[in-house]
Protein backbone atom coordinates (compact mmCIF):
# COMPACT_ATOMS: atom_id res chain seq x y z
CA MET A 1 -14.93 13.04 1.14
CA ARG A 2 -18.31 11.74 0.01
CA VAL A 3 -19.16 11.11 -3.66
CA LEU A 4 -22.60 10.44 -5.12
CA HIS A 5 -22.58 8.42 -8.36
CA PHE A 6 -25.70 8.82 -10.50
CA PHE A 7 -26.73 6.54 -13.36
CA LYS A 8 -29.92 4.95 -14.66
CA THR A 9 -29.13 1.38 -13.57
CA TYR A 10 -26.92 -0.38 -11.04
CA TRP A 11 -26.48 -3.61 -9.13
CA PRO A 12 -28.45 -5.74 -8.27
CA ASP A 13 -30.86 -4.74 -11.08
CA THR A 14 -28.14 -4.80 -13.76
CA PHE A 15 -24.36 -5.10 -13.80
CA GLY A 16 -23.06 -4.20 -17.26
CA GLY A 17 -19.99 -2.23 -18.28
CA VAL A 18 -20.96 1.17 -16.84
CA GLU A 19 -22.21 -0.44 -13.63
CA ARG A 20 -18.98 -2.41 -13.24
CA THR A 21 -17.02 0.80 -13.72
CA ILE A 22 -19.04 2.60 -11.03
CA HIS A 23 -18.49 -0.36 -8.71
CA ALA A 24 -14.73 -0.35 -9.38
CA ILE A 25 -14.47 3.40 -8.71
CA ALA A 26 -16.56 3.22 -5.53
CA LYS A 27 -14.59 0.25 -4.24
CA GLY A 28 -11.16 1.44 -5.32
CA THR A 29 -11.34 5.06 -4.14
CA ALA A 30 -12.23 3.97 -0.60
CA LYS A 31 -8.51 3.57 0.17
CA TYR A 32 -8.14 7.30 -0.53
CA GLY A 33 -10.76 8.19 2.05
CA VAL A 34 -13.66 8.48 -0.41
CA GLU A 35 -17.08 7.32 0.77
CA SER A 36 -19.43 6.52 -2.12
CA ASP A 37 -23.15 6.29 -2.69
CA VAL A 38 -24.82 5.21 -5.93
CA LEU A 39 -28.30 6.33 -7.00
CA SER A 40 -30.13 4.52 -9.79
CA LEU A 41 -33.64 3.40 -10.76
CA SER A 42 -35.32 0.11 -9.93
CA GLU A 43 -38.73 -1.51 -10.29
CA THR A 44 -38.28 -2.71 -6.70
CA PRO A 45 -36.51 0.21 -5.00
CA VAL A 46 -37.06 -0.85 -1.39
CA GLU A 47 -35.77 -4.41 -1.80
CA ASN A 48 -32.84 -3.37 -4.00
CA SER A 49 -31.57 -0.46 -1.89
CA ILE A 50 -28.75 -2.38 -0.23
CA GLU A 51 -25.10 -2.18 0.72
CA PHE A 52 -22.66 -3.50 -1.87
CA ASP A 53 -18.91 -3.89 -1.35
CA GLY A 54 -18.65 -1.06 1.18
CA HIS A 55 -21.02 1.45 -0.42
CA MET A 56 -24.79 1.96 -0.58
CA ALA A 57 -26.77 1.27 -3.74
CA HIS A 58 -29.77 3.60 -3.37
CA LYS A 59 -32.81 3.23 -5.63
CA ALA A 60 -35.65 5.43 -6.85
CA LYS A 61 -38.80 3.95 -8.32
CA LEU A 62 -38.60 3.25 -12.08
CA ASP A 63 -41.91 4.39 -13.58
CA PHE A 64 -41.37 3.42 -17.23
CA GLU A 65 -38.75 3.12 -19.97
CA PHE A 66 -38.66 4.69 -23.42
CA ALA A 67 -35.81 4.56 -25.98
CA SER A 68 -33.47 2.86 -23.47
CA THR A 69 -34.14 5.66 -20.97
CA GLY A 70 -35.63 5.02 -17.54
CA PHE A 71 -38.01 7.66 -16.15
CA SER A 72 -38.85 8.32 -12.51
CA ARG A 73 -40.76 10.96 -10.58
CA GLU A 74 -39.28 9.85 -7.28
CA VAL A 75 -35.67 10.29 -8.41
CA PHE A 76 -35.79 14.10 -8.11
CA GLY A 77 -36.40 13.94 -4.37
CA ARG A 78 -33.92 11.12 -3.82
CA PHE A 79 -31.25 13.03 -5.73
CA ARG A 80 -31.87 16.19 -3.70
CA GLU A 81 -31.60 14.23 -0.46
CA LEU A 82 -28.40 12.34 -1.39
CA SER A 83 -26.61 15.19 -3.18
CA GLN A 84 -26.99 17.38 -0.08
CA LYS A 85 -24.86 14.84 1.82
CA ALA A 86 -22.21 14.62 -0.92
CA ASP A 87 -19.08 16.66 -1.51
CA ILE A 88 -19.02 15.75 -5.22
CA VAL A 89 -21.68 14.51 -7.64
CA HIS A 90 -20.32 12.07 -10.23
CA TYR A 91 -22.61 11.61 -13.24
CA HIS A 92 -22.33 8.78 -15.76
CA PHE A 93 -23.38 9.82 -19.28
CA PRO A 94 -25.59 9.21 -21.27
CA TRP A 95 -28.96 9.32 -19.55
CA PRO A 96 -31.21 12.30 -20.50
CA VAL A 97 -33.25 12.09 -17.29
CA MET A 98 -30.03 12.69 -15.37
CA ASP A 99 -29.55 15.96 -17.27
CA ILE A 100 -33.06 17.07 -16.32
CA VAL A 101 -32.55 16.15 -12.66
CA HIS A 102 -29.23 18.04 -12.54
CA LEU A 103 -30.72 21.20 -14.07
CA THR A 104 -33.97 21.02 -12.07
CA VAL A 105 -32.37 20.17 -8.74
CA PRO A 106 -28.89 21.79 -8.92
CA PRO A 107 -26.69 20.00 -6.40
CA GLY A 108 -24.63 23.07 -5.54
CA LYS A 109 -21.54 20.84 -5.32
CA PRO A 110 -18.59 20.20 -7.67
CA THR A 111 -19.69 17.93 -10.52
CA VAL A 112 -17.89 15.50 -12.81
CA VAL A 113 -19.25 13.50 -15.75
CA THR A 114 -17.74 10.26 -16.99
CA TYR A 115 -18.64 10.37 -20.68
CA HIS A 116 -19.08 6.68 -21.49
CA SER A 117 -20.53 7.03 -24.99
CA ASP A 118 -22.02 9.29 -27.61
CA ILE A 119 -25.69 8.68 -28.35
CA VAL A 120 -25.48 6.64 -31.54
CA LYS A 121 -28.71 4.75 -32.19
CA GLN A 122 -31.49 7.28 -31.48
CA LYS A 123 -30.48 9.77 -34.17
CA VAL A 124 -33.92 11.41 -34.51
CA LEU A 125 -34.45 11.77 -30.76
CA LEU A 126 -30.91 13.09 -30.43
CA GLN A 127 -31.83 16.21 -32.41
CA PHE A 128 -34.49 17.04 -29.81
CA TYR A 129 -32.18 16.14 -26.92
CA LYS A 130 -29.12 18.11 -28.08
CA PRO A 131 -30.06 21.49 -26.49
CA LEU A 132 -30.59 19.80 -23.11
CA MET A 133 -27.42 17.69 -23.49
CA PHE A 134 -25.22 20.68 -24.33
CA ARG A 135 -26.70 22.73 -21.49
CA PHE A 136 -25.99 19.87 -19.06
CA LEU A 137 -22.42 19.27 -20.25
CA LYS A 138 -21.69 23.01 -20.23
CA SER A 139 -22.90 23.28 -16.63
CA VAL A 140 -20.71 20.56 -15.08
CA ASP A 141 -17.21 21.27 -13.78
CA ARG A 142 -15.24 18.45 -15.42
CA ILE A 143 -15.77 15.77 -18.07
CA VAL A 144 -13.85 12.50 -18.25
CA ALA A 145 -13.38 10.63 -21.53
CA THR A 146 -12.47 6.96 -21.20
CA SER A 147 -9.84 6.92 -23.96
CA PRO A 148 -7.85 9.43 -26.02
CA ASN A 149 -9.35 7.81 -29.13
CA TYR A 150 -12.88 8.68 -28.05
CA LEU A 151 -11.92 12.24 -27.12
CA LEU A 152 -10.49 12.73 -30.62
CA SER A 153 -13.42 11.13 -32.46
CA SER A 154 -16.43 12.51 -30.55
CA ASP A 155 -17.98 15.67 -31.99
CA VAL A 156 -19.66 16.31 -28.64
CA LEU A 157 -16.46 16.08 -26.61
CA GLU A 158 -14.71 18.33 -29.12
CA ARG A 159 -16.91 21.20 -27.89
CA PHE A 160 -15.80 20.69 -24.28
CA LYS A 161 -12.15 19.79 -24.81
CA SER A 162 -10.87 22.47 -22.42
CA LYS A 163 -12.49 20.83 -19.40
CA THR A 164 -12.16 17.19 -20.51
CA THR A 165 -9.50 14.80 -19.22
CA VAL A 166 -8.84 11.14 -20.09
CA ILE A 167 -9.06 8.42 -17.45
CA PRO A 168 -9.14 4.92 -18.99
CA LEU A 169 -11.46 2.32 -17.51
CA GLY A 170 -9.84 -0.30 -15.32
CA LEU A 171 -10.66 -3.61 -13.67
CA ASP A 172 -9.49 -5.15 -10.41
CA GLU A 173 -7.80 -8.52 -10.88
CA ALA A 174 -8.93 -9.49 -7.37
CA ASP A 175 -12.49 -9.65 -8.74
CA TYR A 176 -11.38 -12.44 -11.11
CA PRO A 177 -10.17 -15.33 -8.92
CA LYS A 178 -8.51 -18.24 -10.73
CA ALA A 179 -10.91 -20.91 -11.96
CA ASP A 180 -11.02 -24.11 -9.92
CA GLU A 181 -10.14 -27.46 -11.49
CA VAL A 182 -13.70 -28.80 -11.29
CA THR A 183 -15.04 -25.89 -13.36
CA LEU A 184 -12.19 -26.16 -15.86
CA ALA A 185 -12.69 -29.92 -16.24
CA ARG A 186 -16.42 -29.47 -16.81
CA TRP A 187 -15.81 -27.04 -19.67
CA ARG A 188 -13.01 -29.15 -21.15
CA ASP A 189 -15.50 -31.99 -21.45
CA LYS A 190 -18.07 -29.79 -23.20
CA LEU A 191 -15.92 -27.72 -25.57
CA PRO A 192 -13.22 -28.30 -28.21
CA ASN A 193 -9.55 -28.24 -27.15
CA ARG A 194 -9.03 -24.88 -28.86
CA PHE A 195 -11.52 -22.08 -29.45
CA LEU A 196 -11.82 -18.32 -29.88
CA LEU A 197 -14.03 -16.59 -27.33
CA PHE A 198 -16.57 -13.77 -27.51
CA VAL A 199 -18.12 -12.34 -24.33
CA GLY A 200 -20.80 -9.66 -24.34
CA VAL A 201 -24.47 -8.77 -24.42
CA LEU A 202 -25.86 -9.78 -27.81
CA ARG A 203 -26.79 -6.31 -29.09
CA TYR A 204 -27.00 -4.83 -32.59
CA TYR A 205 -23.59 -3.15 -32.44
CA LYS A 206 -21.55 -6.13 -31.21
CA GLY A 207 -20.91 -7.49 -34.71
CA VAL A 208 -21.54 -11.11 -33.73
CA HIS A 209 -23.33 -11.69 -37.05
CA ILE A 210 -20.03 -10.83 -38.77
CA LEU A 211 -18.20 -13.25 -36.47
CA LEU A 212 -20.64 -16.01 -37.41
CA GLU A 213 -20.01 -15.46 -41.12
CA ALA A 214 -16.26 -15.49 -40.55
CA ALA A 215 -16.51 -18.74 -38.58
CA LYS A 216 -18.52 -20.32 -41.39
CA ARG A 217 -15.74 -19.42 -43.84
CA ASN A 218 -12.75 -20.53 -41.81
CA GLY A 219 -14.32 -23.39 -39.84
CA LEU A 220 -12.68 -22.33 -36.56
CA ASP A 221 -14.40 -23.05 -33.26
CA ILE A 222 -15.92 -20.00 -31.61
CA VAL A 223 -17.60 -19.83 -28.21
CA ILE A 224 -20.18 -17.10 -27.63
CA VAL A 225 -20.95 -16.15 -24.02
CA GLY A 226 -23.86 -13.80 -23.39
CA SER A 227 -27.52 -13.26 -24.06
CA GLY A 228 -29.50 -10.30 -25.32
CA PRO A 229 -32.00 -8.94 -27.81
CA MET A 230 -30.18 -10.38 -30.86
CA GLU A 231 -29.82 -13.92 -29.47
CA ALA A 232 -32.63 -15.64 -31.39
CA GLU A 233 -31.71 -13.92 -34.64
CA LEU A 234 -28.05 -14.87 -34.29
CA LYS A 235 -28.82 -18.50 -33.54
CA GLN A 236 -31.00 -18.61 -36.61
CA ALA A 237 -28.19 -17.07 -38.68
CA ALA A 238 -25.79 -19.71 -37.38
CA GLY A 239 -28.04 -22.44 -38.75
CA GLN A 240 -29.09 -25.79 -37.33
CA ASN A 241 -26.47 -27.43 -35.09
CA PRO A 242 -23.38 -25.73 -36.52
CA HIS A 243 -20.37 -27.89 -35.62
CA ASN A 244 -17.99 -25.02 -34.80
CA ILE A 245 -20.28 -22.35 -33.25
CA HIS A 246 -21.09 -22.76 -29.56
CA PHE A 247 -23.71 -20.50 -27.94
CA LEU A 248 -23.47 -20.77 -24.15
CA GLY A 249 -25.85 -17.98 -23.07
CA SER A 250 -25.26 -15.99 -19.89
CA LEU A 251 -22.81 -17.58 -17.48
CA SER A 252 -21.63 -16.99 -13.94
CA ASP A 253 -18.41 -15.05 -13.40
CA SER A 254 -16.62 -18.26 -12.37
CA ASP A 255 -17.58 -19.96 -15.64
CA LYS A 256 -16.57 -16.89 -17.66
CA ILE A 257 -13.20 -16.83 -15.92
CA ALA A 258 -12.65 -20.49 -16.78
CA LEU A 259 -13.35 -19.81 -20.46
CA LEU A 260 -11.06 -16.77 -20.46
CA GLU A 261 -8.30 -18.99 -19.08
CA MET A 262 -8.95 -21.71 -21.66
CA CYS A 263 -9.48 -19.77 -24.90
CA ALA A 264 -6.86 -19.43 -27.64
CA GLY A 265 -7.83 -15.83 -28.31
CA PHE A 266 -10.57 -13.24 -27.93
CA ALA A 267 -12.77 -12.05 -30.80
CA PHE A 268 -14.58 -8.74 -30.28
CA PRO A 269 -16.07 -7.67 -33.64
CA SER A 270 -18.13 -4.63 -32.52
CA HIS A 271 -18.61 -2.60 -35.69
CA LEU A 272 -20.43 0.57 -34.53
CA ARG A 273 -19.48 3.48 -32.25
CA SER A 274 -22.02 2.32 -29.70
CA GLU A 275 -19.11 0.18 -28.47
CA ALA A 276 -17.33 3.04 -26.75
CA PHE A 277 -14.61 1.15 -24.87
CA GLY A 278 -15.01 -2.62 -24.59
CA LEU A 279 -14.40 -3.72 -21.00
CA SER A 280 -14.42 -7.31 -22.28
CA LEU A 281 -11.15 -6.47 -24.05
CA VAL A 282 -9.69 -5.37 -20.72
CA GLU A 283 -10.75 -8.73 -19.27
CA ALA A 284 -9.05 -10.54 -22.15
CA SER A 285 -5.91 -8.42 -21.64
CA MET A 286 -5.92 -9.27 -17.94
CA PHE A 287 -5.85 -12.97 -18.86
CA GLY A 288 -3.06 -12.46 -21.38
CA LYS A 289 -5.12 -13.30 -24.46
CA PRO A 290 -4.45 -12.03 -28.00
CA MET A 291 -7.42 -10.02 -29.28
CA ILE A 292 -9.21 -9.17 -32.50
CA SER A 293 -11.27 -5.98 -32.65
CA CYS A 294 -12.45 -3.44 -35.24
CA GLU A 295 -11.31 0.12 -35.94
CA ILE A 296 -14.36 2.21 -35.03
CA GLY A 297 -12.61 5.28 -33.59
CA THR A 298 -13.33 4.37 -29.97
CA GLY A 299 -11.56 2.88 -26.98
CA THR A 300 -11.44 -0.61 -28.49
CA SER A 301 -8.36 0.46 -30.50
CA PHE A 302 -6.84 1.97 -27.36
CA VAL A 303 -7.12 -1.31 -25.45
CA ASN A 304 -6.14 -3.55 -28.38
CA LEU A 305 -3.18 -2.23 -30.38
CA ASP A 306 -2.88 -3.59 -33.90
CA LYS A 307 -0.05 -6.12 -34.29
CA GLN A 308 1.06 -5.45 -30.70
CA THR A 309 -1.65 -7.03 -28.52
CA GLY A 310 -3.70 -8.56 -31.35
CA PHE A 311 -5.22 -7.51 -34.64
CA VAL A 312 -7.43 -4.53 -35.49
CA VAL A 313 -9.48 -5.03 -38.66
CA PRO A 314 -11.93 -2.85 -40.60
CA PRO A 315 -15.51 -3.00 -39.27
CA ASN A 316 -18.09 -5.13 -41.04
CA ASP A 317 -15.39 -6.93 -43.06
CA VAL A 318 -15.94 -10.69 -42.95
CA ASP A 319 -12.79 -11.53 -44.90
CA ALA A 320 -10.53 -9.38 -42.74
CA LEU A 321 -12.02 -10.83 -39.55
CA SER A 322 -11.73 -14.39 -40.85
CA ASN A 323 -8.08 -13.86 -41.83
CA ALA A 324 -7.24 -12.36 -38.43
CA MET A 325 -8.83 -15.35 -36.72
CA LYS A 326 -6.77 -17.73 -38.85
CA SER A 327 -3.60 -15.76 -38.09
CA LEU A 328 -4.12 -16.25 -34.36
CA TRP A 329 -5.10 -19.88 -34.82
CA ASP A 330 -2.27 -20.97 -37.11
CA ASN A 331 0.63 -19.28 -35.32
CA GLU A 332 0.46 -20.20 -31.65
CA GLN A 333 3.88 -18.72 -30.89
CA LYS A 334 2.90 -15.34 -32.33
CA ALA A 335 -0.46 -15.49 -30.54
CA ALA A 336 1.30 -16.17 -27.24
CA ALA A 337 3.58 -13.14 -27.77
CA LEU A 338 0.58 -10.91 -28.54
CA GLY A 339 -1.17 -12.23 -25.44
CA ALA A 340 1.86 -11.52 -23.24
CA ALA A 341 1.95 -7.96 -24.60
CA ALA A 342 -1.77 -7.61 -23.86
CA ARG A 343 -1.13 -8.66 -20.27
CA ASP A 344 1.68 -6.10 -19.96
CA ARG A 345 -0.61 -3.40 -21.34
CA TYR A 346 -3.33 -4.31 -18.83
CA LEU A 347 -0.86 -3.89 -15.97
CA ALA A 348 0.43 -0.59 -17.38
CA CYS A 349 -2.88 1.05 -18.31
CA PHE A 350 -6.05 -0.73 -17.25
CA THR A 351 -5.90 -1.73 -13.59
CA ALA A 352 -8.59 -0.49 -11.24
CA GLU A 353 -5.81 0.95 -9.10
CA LYS A 354 -4.66 3.28 -11.90
CA MET A 355 -8.22 4.36 -12.67
CA CYS A 356 -9.13 4.98 -9.03
CA SER A 357 -5.91 6.85 -8.28
CA ALA A 358 -6.69 9.20 -11.17
CA TYR A 359 -10.28 9.74 -10.01
CA SER A 360 -9.20 10.43 -6.44
CA ARG A 361 -6.78 13.09 -7.73
CA LEU A 362 -9.58 14.60 -9.81
CA TYR A 363 -11.91 14.64 -6.80
CA GLY A 364 -9.15 16.37 -4.84
CA GLU A 365 -8.77 19.03 -7.54
CA LEU A 366 -12.51 19.68 -7.55
CA THR A 367 -12.76 20.07 -3.78
CA GLY A 368 -9.37 21.59 -3.11
CA SER A 369 -8.50 18.67 -0.82
CA ARG A 370 -5.54 16.33 -0.95
CA ALA A 371 -7.42 13.13 -1.84
CA GLY A 372 -5.17 10.84 -3.89
């Protein structure tokens, strides 16, 4: 069976949450006899069309971007060419250009959409896009929500409930090899003995500004890993040389793994629905870390269960976040128990193996084969 994944960006151009999910599915379904291709856009399509972990990352020329949407004239022809070779086309939503390509160049094959997120920020543009979006979602065979929470809270998914199933996102522990002693020692020299960790792109919906205010109130050490459009603004908000706030910028996976091993807990204060799942929480669960997240009606409260794997607090509430941080900090025995439960939940719900087994079964249903 051959599956074509289609999304606006992919490795090596970018490797965020959706891209990591595509990679995990392509890599993990191979054991079920699934061959995968990925089509995305790139400013350098020739150089960046390369093999990656057993599958091809194909590129079409990115012409320009508007409202976080990449546009390409070339992608129509590339999609036609690659979809003809596929048994299933697997779309990753949202990306309006993808909808246009699908409706303009119908693949004539079974289709599935992983619905990663509602469109939250571009509210005005959404009103113009809705007719196209609904036509696209109506035309595909199956839709996958990434958590039961998101399926219940999304007005869009409510309209397509009858053909929507839930397959939670998962990560492969083999992609997170244990940190070596040299890397651990280097970070021990640079950072305090105990700290709470945040990992993520510094975007408007991540709530890091709330985390900074909470850290100012409680004085606890927080380490912030990641860069992004809000970085300069957040550093300014933190003030000059704050003693307990440590911005580390973007780091390699090996450095991130070391910090995940070292941290006392994981703070993930995303306060808007743009945070649809929170793969960083799955990473923290994998490492057995107690978590703090916000109740925003999305997958974050599916990964992190209040008072079971950590604490879930109201969004945009500095006091509640600060108190949750102190609760983790002051009661190490309780924090360790929450972390152990988080690890158990990762093994039960969020491994790449569980995700890929579910997708292979879905592919089999769509094609009438016995995959998975």
